[in-house]
Amino acid sequence: QVQLVESGGGRVQPGGSLRLSCAASGNIGSFYRMGWYRQAPGKQRGLVASITNSGNTNYGNSVKGRFTISRDSAKNTVYLQMNSLEPEDTADYYCYADGEHYTLAWGQGTQVTVSS
């Protein structure tokens, strides 16, 4: 069974940066796609970013130009570099891994707080 473990969340001031990591228990090359969703209190969950096993990326409109998703196959880890953070980025961030037809696993979530 696939396990995903996120790390890197925390509290940062507006304009700051954080890098989230998602370490998988298996070979990430076997996943069709990995990525991040986020959910803020009282709001719906929304896609932040995703990356396919061929390297194609997709970003939510609110993070384009500020966030970058990447993967290190040797470490079985996906990263989310978050720059120019805004208070609206405050949320719980969840890593996920997709097979070709359905989601295989979710991480436990990591909290990001952007506040002065």
Protein backbone atom coordinates (compact mmCIF):
# COMPACT_ATOMS: atom_id res chain seq x y z
CA GLN A 1 0.00 0.00 0.00
CA VAL A 2 1.31 3.41 -0.96
CA GLN A 3 2.11 5.82 1.83
CA LEU A 4 2.76 9.52 1.41
CA VAL A 5 4.38 11.65 4.10
CA GLU A 6 4.36 15.43 3.83
CA SER A 7 6.71 17.81 5.56
CA GLY A 8 7.81 21.42 5.35
CA GLY A 9 4.72 23.25 6.49
CA GLY A 10 4.85 26.04 9.03
CA ARG A 11 4.26 29.68 9.65
CA VAL A 12 5.72 32.36 7.43
CA GLN A 13 5.23 36.08 6.87
CA PRO A 14 3.56 37.41 3.73
CA GLY A 15 6.04 37.49 0.89
CA GLY A 16 8.02 34.61 2.35
CA SER A 17 8.72 31.14 1.01
CA LEU A 18 8.27 27.54 2.05
CA ARG A 19 9.08 24.23 0.41
CA LEU A 20 6.79 21.29 1.00
CA SER A 21 8.00 17.74 0.50
CA CYS A 22 5.98 14.60 -0.15
CA ALA A 23 7.91 11.38 0.30
CA ALA A 24 6.37 8.22 -1.16
CA SER A 25 6.90 4.70 0.11
CA GLY A 26 7.08 3.39 -3.45
CA ASN A 27 8.61 4.27 -6.77
CA ILE A 28 6.98 7.52 -7.83
CA GLY A 29 7.66 6.59 -11.43
CA SER A 30 4.85 4.06 -11.08
CA PHE A 31 2.31 6.80 -10.35
CA TYR A 32 0.61 8.47 -13.24
CA ARG A 33 0.49 11.80 -11.43
CA MET A 34 1.30 13.34 -8.08
CA GLY A 35 0.39 16.69 -6.71
CA TRP A 36 -0.99 18.88 -3.99
CA TYR A 37 -4.42 20.00 -2.95
CA ARG A 38 -5.17 22.49 -0.21
CA GLN A 39 -8.12 23.24 1.98
CA ALA A 40 -8.67 26.29 4.12
CA PRO A 41 -11.21 26.40 6.94
CA GLY A 42 -14.71 26.84 5.55
CA LYS A 43 -13.56 26.51 1.95
CA GLN A 44 -13.61 23.76 -0.62
CA ARG A 45 -10.54 21.75 -1.37
CA GLY A 46 -8.73 23.02 -4.44
CA LEU A 47 -5.93 21.84 -6.67
CA VAL A 48 -2.63 23.58 -6.08
CA ALA A 49 -0.35 21.81 -8.52
CA SER A 50 0.27 18.46 -10.14
CA ILE A 51 3.00 16.75 -12.12
CA THR A 52 2.72 13.67 -14.31
CA ASN A 53 5.27 10.90 -14.63
CA SER A 54 6.31 12.48 -17.92
CA GLY A 55 6.93 15.82 -16.23
CA ASN A 56 3.87 17.75 -17.37
CA THR A 57 2.74 20.23 -14.76
CA ASN A 58 -0.54 21.92 -13.96
CA TYR A 59 -1.22 24.74 -11.51
CA GLY A 60 -4.23 26.31 -9.89
CA ASN A 61 -4.84 29.82 -11.19
CA SER A 62 -4.17 31.46 -7.84
CA VAL A 63 -0.65 30.05 -7.55
CA LYS A 64 0.62 30.31 -11.11
CA GLY A 65 3.91 32.15 -11.23
CA ARG A 66 4.49 31.78 -7.49
CA PHE A 67 4.55 28.03 -6.86
CA THR A 68 6.63 25.36 -8.57
CA ILE A 69 6.12 21.63 -8.39
CA SER A 70 9.00 19.26 -9.05
CA ARG A 71 9.96 15.66 -8.51
CA ASP A 72 13.09 13.73 -7.58
CA SER A 73 12.65 10.14 -8.70
CA ALA A 74 15.82 9.01 -6.96
CA LYS A 75 14.37 10.15 -3.64
CA ASN A 76 10.76 9.20 -4.47
CA THR A 77 9.80 12.70 -3.45
CA VAL A 78 7.70 15.49 -4.90
CA TYR A 79 8.30 19.08 -3.87
CA LEU A 80 6.20 22.21 -3.86
CA GLN A 81 8.24 25.40 -3.77
CA MET A 82 6.01 28.23 -2.63
CA ASN A 83 7.23 31.79 -3.10
CA SER A 84 5.60 35.18 -2.56
CA LEU A 85 3.21 33.62 -0.09
CA GLU A 86 0.01 35.46 0.68
CA PRO A 87 -2.39 35.18 3.62
CA GLU A 88 -4.84 33.56 1.18
CA ASP A 89 -2.41 30.65 0.85
CA THR A 90 -3.08 29.67 4.45
CA ALA A 91 -4.48 26.14 4.39
CA ASP A 92 -3.81 22.50 5.03
CA TYR A 93 -1.86 21.08 2.11
CA TYR A 94 -2.34 17.47 1.08
CA CYS A 95 -0.16 15.41 -1.23
CA TYR A 96 -1.76 12.79 -3.44
CA ALA A 97 -0.73 10.10 -5.91
CA ASP A 98 -2.84 9.00 -8.86
CA GLY A 99 -2.83 5.83 -10.82
CA GLU A 100 -4.07 6.04 -14.38
CA HIS A 101 -7.72 5.86 -13.37
CA TYR A 102 -8.04 6.70 -9.69
CA THR A 103 -6.27 8.16 -6.68
CA LEU A 104 -4.02 5.69 -4.93
CA ALA A 105 -3.11 7.56 -1.78
CA TRP A 106 -3.32 10.79 0.21
CA GLY A 107 -0.90 12.17 2.70
CA GLN A 108 -1.87 13.22 6.19
CA GLY A 109 -1.58 16.91 5.42
CA THR A 110 0.72 19.70 6.49
CA GLN A 111 -0.38 23.10 7.70
CA VAL A 112 0.77 26.33 6.11
CA THR A 113 0.04 29.64 7.82
CA VAL A 114 0.89 32.95 6.19
CA SER A 115 0.53 35.77 8.64
CA SER A 116 2.36 38.79 9.93
